[in-house]
Amino acid sequence: MMKFFARIDKTFLIVTGLLIFVGFLIFSSASMGLLARNGASFSTVAIKQIVIGLIGGGISAFIISHIPYTYYKKYAFHFFAATLVLTSLVFIPALGFSHGGATRWLSIAGISFQPSEILKLGFIIYLAAWLSKNHKKNHLFKEGLVPVGIIFAVVSVPLLLQPDNDTLAVILFTGTIMYFVAGASLRHIGMIIVAGMIGLSMLVVVHPYVKSRIMTFINPAGDTQNSGYQINQSLIAIGSGGFWGRGFGQSVQKFNYLPEPIGDSIFAVVAEEFGFVGSVALLLLFMFFGLRGLYIASNTKDTFGGLVVLGIITLIITQSIINVSAMMGIIPLSGIPLVFISHGGTALLIALAEIGIILNISTTLSTKRNLKNSVK
């Protein structure tokens, strides 16, 4: 046990631990707003976050950090296929259920969760395995771009049918970054970007709510009581925080004003209670997390391990940037939560499981250092 702890990247572990601790404090404060809205639901939400997210996630991270990451490469296809099947189960009426016009959730044994959270990890592991195996041909069209495009298309189908366009965008962006780092040509990356822009244009036509989000982004003051309500209440909360903030637990907007104060809008609660200083501190914490993760990715002993870490870090940081940017009105609103902080016990559990994978991969850094020292 002590030998393993000595080998993992302790800097990454400490930064992650700080994010989880700070995230739970913020979540606890934001959850207080539920007392005024739904009474006893606060205790139910908090217990789920603690038991499933923190305790379950902590146990998962500990166990997974001891599993050699090379196993994931061996069974990458099977894992990816299983996550696709699991995500497709939402279309079975007895298992899946809808909310807000989308069918994204499964309810099994009284526990509801979004299987797309697991699909993200399955996609990263399989794409990393394929790219590392095909590393000498990734720059080619037929042997590189076409197979990657097929993988992108396969993962897109269940998410478009739900629909869950925000999650799909994050997954495809993460996959594109992994593909680029693995040796894709700039011309092929450009083709993927153009295809993405065409896809977005088609979504605007097919799904009116996508167009509504874009129009609200362009003119947030156009309909402050309906489509523009969330962004306007978010901006009020952020502005009310000023430089130092109102203080921990003192947010006003989380009571009856701010939609989803423990979900999509939780950063607005952060800004209101901790102000500009606290918001920047949180963003810096995410930045250190991302930079340390990239350090691990660039120093692993093989391509597969490096791509897995890159994929997980890109996924987490991208989601966080989208959430914060949307709450500040920099980009259109999305349903992407703030990782480690927003409500979602199973989402936190899976995020911590991903951290466990990175911690196991980080042990190879220690091995490389030891080998260098022995040579000297």
Protein backbone atom coordinates (compact mmCIF):
# COMPACT_ATOMS: atom_id res chain seq x y z
CA MET A 1 0.00 0.00 0.00
CA MET A 2 2.68 2.51 1.03
CA LYS A 3 4.82 1.54 -1.96
CA PHE A 4 1.92 2.24 -4.33
CA PHE A 5 1.15 5.57 -2.65
CA ALA A 6 4.79 6.56 -3.04
CA ARG A 7 4.60 5.96 -6.81
CA ILE A 8 1.42 7.87 -7.72
CA ASP A 9 1.53 11.54 -8.66
CA LYS A 10 0.79 13.13 -5.29
CA THR A 11 0.55 16.65 -6.72
CA PHE A 12 -2.30 15.57 -8.97
CA LEU A 13 -3.94 13.74 -6.06
CA ILE A 14 -3.75 16.82 -3.80
CA VAL A 15 -5.17 19.17 -6.45
CA THR A 16 -8.01 16.74 -7.15
CA GLY A 17 -8.67 16.40 -3.42
CA LEU A 18 -8.88 20.18 -3.07
CA LEU A 19 -11.35 20.39 -5.96
CA ILE A 20 -13.55 17.71 -4.40
CA PHE A 21 -13.44 19.36 -0.95
CA VAL A 22 -14.18 22.84 -2.28
CA GLY A 23 -16.81 21.41 -4.60
CA PHE A 24 -18.70 19.75 -1.77
CA LEU A 25 -18.66 22.94 0.32
CA ILE A 26 -20.10 24.89 -2.63
CA PHE A 27 -22.65 22.16 -3.32
CA SER A 28 -23.74 22.14 0.33
CA SER A 29 -24.33 25.90 0.27
CA ALA A 30 -26.17 25.80 -3.06
CA SER A 31 -28.34 22.93 -1.80
CA MET A 32 -29.68 25.10 0.99
CA GLY A 33 -31.79 26.83 -1.62
CA LEU A 34 -33.80 23.61 -1.93
CA LEU A 35 -35.08 24.07 1.61
CA ALA A 36 -37.08 27.08 0.50
CA ARG A 37 -38.30 25.31 -2.63
CA ASN A 38 -38.81 21.66 -1.77
CA GLY A 39 -38.33 21.32 1.97
CA ALA A 40 -36.95 17.91 2.89
CA SER A 41 -35.52 17.24 -0.58
CA PHE A 42 -32.30 18.91 0.60
CA SER A 43 -31.41 15.97 2.83
CA THR A 44 -32.18 13.47 0.06
CA VAL A 45 -29.98 15.29 -2.45
CA ALA A 46 -27.14 15.76 0.05
CA ILE A 47 -27.18 12.11 1.12
CA LYS A 48 -27.05 10.93 -2.50
CA GLN A 49 -24.12 13.23 -3.20
CA ILE A 50 -22.24 11.98 -0.14
CA VAL A 51 -23.03 8.25 -0.32
CA ILE A 52 -22.95 7.69 -4.08
CA GLY A 53 -20.63 10.50 -5.14
CA LEU A 54 -18.05 11.01 -2.40
CA ILE A 55 -17.99 7.63 -0.64
CA GLY A 56 -18.80 5.47 -3.67
CA GLY A 57 -16.53 7.55 -5.89
CA GLY A 58 -13.70 7.47 -3.37
CA ILE A 59 -13.90 3.69 -3.11
CA SER A 60 -14.04 3.37 -6.91
CA ALA A 61 -11.03 5.66 -7.35
CA PHE A 62 -9.05 3.63 -4.79
CA ILE A 63 -9.87 0.27 -6.39
CA ILE A 64 -9.39 1.41 -9.98
CA SER A 65 -6.10 3.12 -9.17
CA HIS A 66 -4.73 -0.36 -8.33
CA ILE A 67 -5.84 -1.93 -11.63
CA PRO A 68 -3.07 -1.84 -14.28
CA TYR A 69 -4.28 0.51 -17.00
CA THR A 70 -3.00 -1.86 -19.71
CA TYR A 71 -6.07 -4.05 -19.04
CA TYR A 72 -8.27 -1.33 -20.50
CA LYS A 73 -6.41 -1.50 -23.80
CA LYS A 74 -6.94 -5.25 -24.01
CA TYR A 75 -10.69 -4.98 -23.47
CA ALA A 76 -11.24 -1.50 -24.96
CA PHE A 77 -13.65 -2.61 -27.68
CA HIS A 78 -15.74 -4.71 -25.28
CA PHE A 79 -15.98 -1.83 -22.82
CA PHE A 80 -16.96 0.63 -25.54
CA ALA A 81 -19.60 -1.73 -26.92
CA ALA A 82 -21.01 -2.28 -23.43
CA THR A 83 -21.31 1.47 -22.81
CA LEU A 84 -23.08 1.90 -26.15
CA VAL A 85 -25.59 -0.80 -25.23
CA LEU A 86 -26.08 0.73 -21.77
CA THR A 87 -26.71 4.16 -23.30
CA SER A 88 -29.21 2.66 -25.73
CA LEU A 89 -31.24 1.20 -22.85
CA VAL A 90 -32.73 4.64 -22.21
CA PHE A 91 -35.07 3.96 -25.15
CA ILE A 92 -36.65 1.00 -23.35
CA PRO A 93 -39.76 2.40 -21.58
CA ALA A 94 -39.37 0.16 -18.52
CA LEU A 95 -35.83 1.44 -17.88
CA GLY A 96 -35.43 4.88 -19.42
CA PHE A 97 -37.34 8.02 -18.54
CA SER A 98 -37.61 11.50 -19.98
CA HIS A 99 -37.14 14.95 -18.49
CA GLY A 100 -37.41 18.28 -20.26
CA GLY A 101 -38.18 16.64 -23.60
CA ALA A 102 -35.07 14.42 -23.62
CA THR A 103 -34.67 10.71 -22.89
CA ARG A 104 -31.25 10.53 -21.23
CA TRP A 105 -31.75 8.77 -17.92
CA LEU A 106 -31.90 5.20 -16.68
CA SER A 107 -33.58 4.14 -13.46
CA ILE A 108 -32.28 0.85 -12.08
CA ALA A 109 -32.96 -0.36 -8.53
CA GLY A 110 -34.15 3.09 -7.54
CA ILE A 111 -30.96 4.78 -8.75
CA SER A 112 -31.23 7.17 -11.69
CA PHE A 113 -28.24 8.17 -13.79
CA GLN A 114 -27.18 9.23 -17.26
CA PRO A 115 -25.41 6.32 -18.99
CA SER A 116 -23.77 8.82 -21.33
CA GLU A 117 -21.39 9.61 -18.46
CA ILE A 118 -20.03 6.07 -18.77
CA LEU A 119 -20.13 6.27 -22.56
CA LYS A 120 -17.66 9.18 -22.41
CA LEU A 121 -15.09 6.97 -20.68
CA GLY A 122 -15.75 4.00 -22.97
CA PHE A 123 -15.23 6.25 -26.00
CA ILE A 124 -11.95 7.68 -24.66
CA ILE A 125 -10.50 4.26 -23.84
CA TYR A 126 -11.46 2.72 -27.18
CA LEU A 127 -10.28 5.70 -29.24
CA ALA A 128 -6.99 5.78 -27.31
CA ALA A 129 -6.50 2.06 -27.93
CA TRP A 130 -7.24 2.41 -31.64
CA LEU A 131 -5.07 5.50 -32.15
CA SER A 132 -2.12 3.99 -30.27
CA LYS A 133 -2.34 0.78 -32.30
CA ASN A 134 -2.64 2.68 -35.58
CA HIS A 135 -0.13 5.42 -34.68
CA LYS A 136 1.92 5.07 -37.88
CA LYS A 137 -1.15 5.60 -40.11
CA ASN A 138 -3.17 8.20 -38.18
CA HIS A 139 -2.11 10.93 -40.61
CA LEU A 140 -3.54 9.10 -43.61
CA PHE A 141 -7.07 9.57 -44.99
CA LYS A 142 -8.21 6.00 -45.59
CA GLU A 143 -6.38 4.41 -42.67
CA GLY A 144 -6.79 7.32 -40.25
CA LEU A 145 -9.59 9.83 -40.83
CA VAL A 146 -12.16 7.36 -42.18
CA PRO A 147 -11.99 4.91 -39.21
CA VAL A 148 -11.99 7.80 -36.73
CA GLY A 149 -15.00 9.26 -38.52
CA ILE A 150 -16.80 5.92 -38.20
CA ILE A 151 -16.07 5.83 -34.44
CA PHE A 152 -17.40 9.39 -34.13
CA ALA A 153 -20.53 8.42 -36.07
CA VAL A 154 -21.19 5.34 -33.94
CA VAL A 155 -21.02 7.29 -30.67
CA SER A 156 -23.19 10.05 -32.16
CA VAL A 157 -26.23 7.92 -32.98
CA PRO A 158 -27.61 7.21 -29.46
CA LEU A 159 -26.81 10.75 -28.27
CA LEU A 160 -28.56 12.39 -31.23
CA LEU A 161 -31.62 10.21 -30.70
CA GLN A 162 -31.98 11.14 -27.01
CA PRO A 163 -31.17 14.03 -27.85
CA ASP A 164 -28.09 15.04 -25.85
CA ASN A 165 -26.28 17.42 -28.16
CA ASP A 166 -24.19 19.04 -25.41
CA THR A 167 -22.65 15.74 -24.35
CA LEU A 168 -22.07 14.78 -27.98
CA ALA A 169 -20.25 18.06 -28.64
CA VAL A 170 -17.96 17.48 -25.64
CA ILE A 171 -17.22 13.89 -26.68
CA LEU A 172 -16.44 14.82 -30.29
CA PHE A 173 -14.25 17.76 -29.23
CA THR A 174 -12.33 15.45 -26.86
CA GLY A 175 -11.95 12.86 -29.60
CA THR A 176 -10.68 15.48 -32.05
CA ILE A 177 -8.01 16.66 -29.59
CA MET A 178 -6.90 13.05 -29.03
CA TYR A 179 -6.82 12.43 -32.79
CA PHE A 180 -4.75 15.58 -33.39
CA VAL A 181 -2.20 14.69 -30.71
CA ALA A 182 -2.00 11.13 -32.08
CA GLY A 183 -0.71 12.40 -35.42
CA ALA A 184 -3.66 13.58 -37.50
CA SER A 185 -2.93 16.07 -40.27
CA LEU A 186 -4.20 19.63 -39.95
CA ARG A 187 -6.18 19.18 -43.16
CA HIS A 188 -8.11 16.28 -41.64
CA ILE A 189 -8.73 18.23 -38.43
CA GLY A 190 -10.06 21.06 -40.60
CA MET A 191 -12.42 18.62 -42.30
CA ILE A 192 -13.74 17.48 -38.92
CA ILE A 193 -14.33 21.11 -37.87
CA VAL A 194 -16.22 21.84 -41.10
CA ALA A 195 -18.31 18.68 -40.61
CA GLY A 196 -19.07 19.83 -37.06
CA MET A 197 -20.23 23.24 -38.27
CA ILE A 198 -22.49 21.61 -40.86
CA GLY A 199 -23.86 19.31 -38.16
CA LEU A 200 -24.60 22.27 -35.89
CA SER A 201 -26.45 24.01 -38.72
CA MET A 202 -28.58 20.92 -39.24
CA LEU A 203 -29.38 20.73 -35.51
CA VAL A 204 -30.60 24.33 -35.58
CA VAL A 205 -33.07 23.30 -38.28
CA VAL A 206 -34.13 19.98 -36.73
CA HIS A 207 -34.27 21.05 -33.07
CA PRO A 208 -35.89 24.47 -32.51
CA TYR A 209 -34.54 24.68 -28.95
CA VAL A 210 -30.99 24.85 -30.34
CA LYS A 211 -31.96 27.90 -32.39
CA SER A 212 -33.69 29.35 -29.32
CA ARG A 213 -30.48 29.01 -27.28
CA ILE A 214 -28.46 30.78 -29.95
CA MET A 215 -31.00 33.61 -30.25
CA THR A 216 -31.06 34.01 -26.46
CA PHE A 217 -27.27 34.16 -26.46
CA ILE A 218 -27.34 36.91 -29.10
CA ASN A 219 -30.01 38.90 -27.25
CA PRO A 220 -30.29 37.71 -23.60
CA ALA A 221 -32.49 40.68 -22.68
CA GLY A 222 -35.04 39.87 -25.38
CA ASP A 223 -37.21 37.59 -23.20
CA THR A 224 -36.09 37.84 -19.58
CA GLN A 225 -39.08 35.92 -18.21
CA ASN A 226 -38.85 32.88 -20.49
CA SER A 227 -35.95 31.81 -22.71
CA GLY A 228 -33.60 34.44 -21.25
CA TYR A 229 -34.58 33.90 -17.62
CA GLN A 230 -31.73 31.60 -16.57
CA ILE A 231 -28.90 33.61 -18.10
CA ASN A 232 -30.28 36.87 -16.71
CA GLN A 233 -30.65 35.45 -13.19
CA SER A 234 -27.15 34.01 -13.48
CA LEU A 235 -25.69 37.37 -14.48
CA ILE A 236 -27.54 39.03 -11.58
CA ALA A 237 -25.99 36.51 -9.18
CA ILE A 238 -22.49 36.96 -10.62
CA GLY A 239 -22.78 40.75 -10.54
CA SER A 240 -24.14 40.72 -6.98
CA GLY A 241 -21.01 38.94 -5.78
CA GLY A 242 -18.79 41.89 -6.57
CA PHE A 243 -15.09 41.55 -5.76
CA TRP A 244 -15.23 39.65 -2.44
CA GLY A 245 -18.70 38.08 -2.56
CA ARG A 246 -21.60 38.06 -0.11
CA GLY A 247 -20.02 35.30 1.97
CA PHE A 248 -20.40 31.53 2.29
CA GLY A 249 -24.06 30.53 2.39
CA GLN A 250 -25.27 34.09 1.76
CA SER A 251 -26.43 33.76 -1.85
CA VAL A 252 -29.85 35.30 -2.47
CA GLN A 253 -30.36 34.04 -6.03
CA LYS A 254 -30.32 30.37 -5.02
CA PHE A 255 -33.61 30.96 -3.19
CA ASN A 256 -36.46 30.89 -5.72
CA TYR A 257 -34.67 32.90 -8.42
CA LEU A 258 -31.80 30.96 -9.99
CA PRO A 259 -32.86 27.84 -11.96
CA GLU A 260 -30.88 24.68 -11.12
CA PRO A 261 -28.73 26.23 -8.35
CA ILE A 262 -27.16 22.84 -7.60
CA GLY A 263 -26.86 21.87 -11.27
CA ASP A 264 -26.04 23.91 -14.34
CA SER A 265 -26.16 27.25 -12.46
CA ILE A 266 -23.93 26.37 -9.53
CA PHE A 267 -21.07 28.60 -10.72
CA ALA A 268 -23.40 31.60 -10.38
CA VAL A 269 -23.80 30.67 -6.71
CA VAL A 270 -20.01 30.50 -6.40
CA ALA A 271 -19.61 33.96 -7.92
CA GLU A 272 -22.34 35.46 -5.71
CA GLU A 273 -20.99 34.04 -2.46
CA PHE A 274 -17.24 34.27 -3.11
CA GLY A 275 -17.08 37.11 -5.62
CA PHE A 276 -14.45 37.70 -8.27
CA VAL A 277 -11.64 36.51 -5.99
CA GLY A 278 -13.30 33.19 -5.14
CA SER A 279 -14.34 32.56 -8.74
CA VAL A 280 -10.80 33.13 -10.01
CA ALA A 281 -9.42 30.89 -7.26
CA LEU A 282 -11.75 28.08 -8.35
CA LEU A 283 -10.78 28.52 -12.00
CA LEU A 284 -7.09 28.48 -11.06
CA LEU A 285 -7.67 25.22 -9.22
CA PHE A 286 -9.18 23.73 -12.38
CA MET A 287 -6.23 25.12 -14.35
CA PHE A 288 -3.66 23.47 -12.06
CA PHE A 289 -5.67 20.24 -12.29
CA GLY A 290 -5.56 20.41 -16.10
CA LEU A 291 -1.88 21.32 -16.33
CA ARG A 292 -0.83 18.54 -13.96
CA GLY A 293 -2.94 16.09 -15.90
CA LEU A 294 -1.28 17.16 -19.15
CA TYR A 295 2.10 16.72 -17.48
CA ILE A 296 1.18 13.13 -16.64
CA ALA A 297 -0.14 12.56 -20.17
CA SER A 298 3.08 13.79 -21.76
CA ASN A 299 5.32 11.70 -19.52
CA THR A 300 3.65 8.27 -19.57
CA LYS A 301 5.63 5.33 -20.87
CA ASP A 302 3.34 4.50 -23.81
CA THR A 303 1.01 6.22 -26.27
CA PHE A 304 -2.14 4.51 -25.01
CA GLY A 305 -1.70 5.68 -21.41
CA GLY A 306 -0.89 9.22 -22.52
CA LEU A 307 -3.96 9.42 -24.77
CA VAL A 308 -6.27 8.10 -22.04
CA VAL A 309 -5.06 10.76 -19.60
CA LEU A 310 -5.29 13.43 -22.30
CA GLY A 311 -8.85 12.36 -23.10
CA ILE A 312 -10.03 12.37 -19.48
CA ILE A 313 -8.40 15.72 -18.69
CA THR A 314 -9.75 17.30 -21.90
CA LEU A 315 -13.22 15.95 -21.09
CA ILE A 316 -13.28 17.34 -17.55
CA ILE A 317 -11.74 20.72 -18.38
CA THR A 318 -13.92 21.20 -21.48
CA GLN A 319 -17.09 20.51 -19.50
CA SER A 320 -16.00 22.93 -16.79
CA ILE A 321 -15.13 25.69 -19.27
CA ILE A 322 -18.48 25.26 -21.06
CA ASN A 323 -20.41 25.44 -17.79
CA VAL A 324 -18.63 28.57 -16.53
CA SER A 325 -18.72 30.29 -19.92
CA ALA A 326 -22.44 29.62 -20.34
CA MET A 327 -23.23 31.04 -16.91
CA MET A 328 -21.28 34.19 -17.79
CA GLY A 329 -23.01 34.60 -21.14
CA ILE A 330 -19.84 34.00 -23.15
CA ILE A 331 -21.40 31.06 -25.03
CA PRO A 332 -25.01 29.84 -25.40
CA LEU A 333 -26.53 28.04 -22.41
CA SER A 334 -25.93 24.30 -22.18
CA GLY A 335 -26.91 21.45 -19.91
CA ILE A 336 -23.28 20.66 -19.04
CA PRO A 337 -22.64 20.50 -15.26
CA LEU A 338 -19.56 21.76 -13.42
CA VAL A 339 -17.45 18.65 -12.73
CA PHE A 340 -16.76 17.79 -9.05
CA ILE A 341 -19.24 20.49 -7.94
CA SER A 342 -22.67 20.20 -9.59
CA HIS A 343 -25.36 17.82 -8.33
CA GLY A 344 -25.09 14.24 -9.54
CA GLY A 345 -23.87 11.42 -7.34
CA THR A 346 -23.29 8.97 -10.19
CA ALA A 347 -21.57 11.65 -12.30
CA LEU A 348 -19.18 12.37 -9.42
CA LEU A 349 -18.61 8.64 -8.90
CA ILE A 350 -17.64 8.18 -12.55
CA ALA A 351 -15.43 11.29 -12.49
CA LEU A 352 -13.56 9.88 -9.48
CA ALA A 353 -13.27 6.51 -11.21
CA GLU A 354 -11.58 8.36 -14.09
CA ILE A 355 -9.24 9.97 -11.56
CA GLY A 356 -8.38 6.45 -10.37
CA ILE A 357 -7.31 5.53 -13.91
CA ILE A 358 -5.08 8.61 -14.14
CA LEU A 359 -3.50 7.83 -10.76
CA ASN A 360 -2.62 4.33 -11.93
CA ILE A 361 -1.13 5.69 -15.15
CA SER A 362 0.84 8.26 -13.13
CA THR A 363 2.78 5.43 -11.48
CA THR A 364 4.68 4.99 -14.76
CA LEU A 365 6.19 8.44 -14.26
CA SER A 366 7.78 7.23 -11.06
CA THR A 367 9.09 4.16 -12.86
CA LYS A 368 10.66 6.33 -15.57
CA ARG A 369 12.39 8.49 -12.96
CA ASN A 370 13.72 5.41 -11.17
CA LEU A 371 15.10 4.02 -14.42
CA LYS A 372 16.85 7.32 -15.18
CA ASN A 373 18.35 7.38 -11.69
CA SER A 374 19.58 3.81 -11.98
CA VAL A 375 21.27 4.61 -15.31
CA LYS A 376 23.02 7.57 -13.73
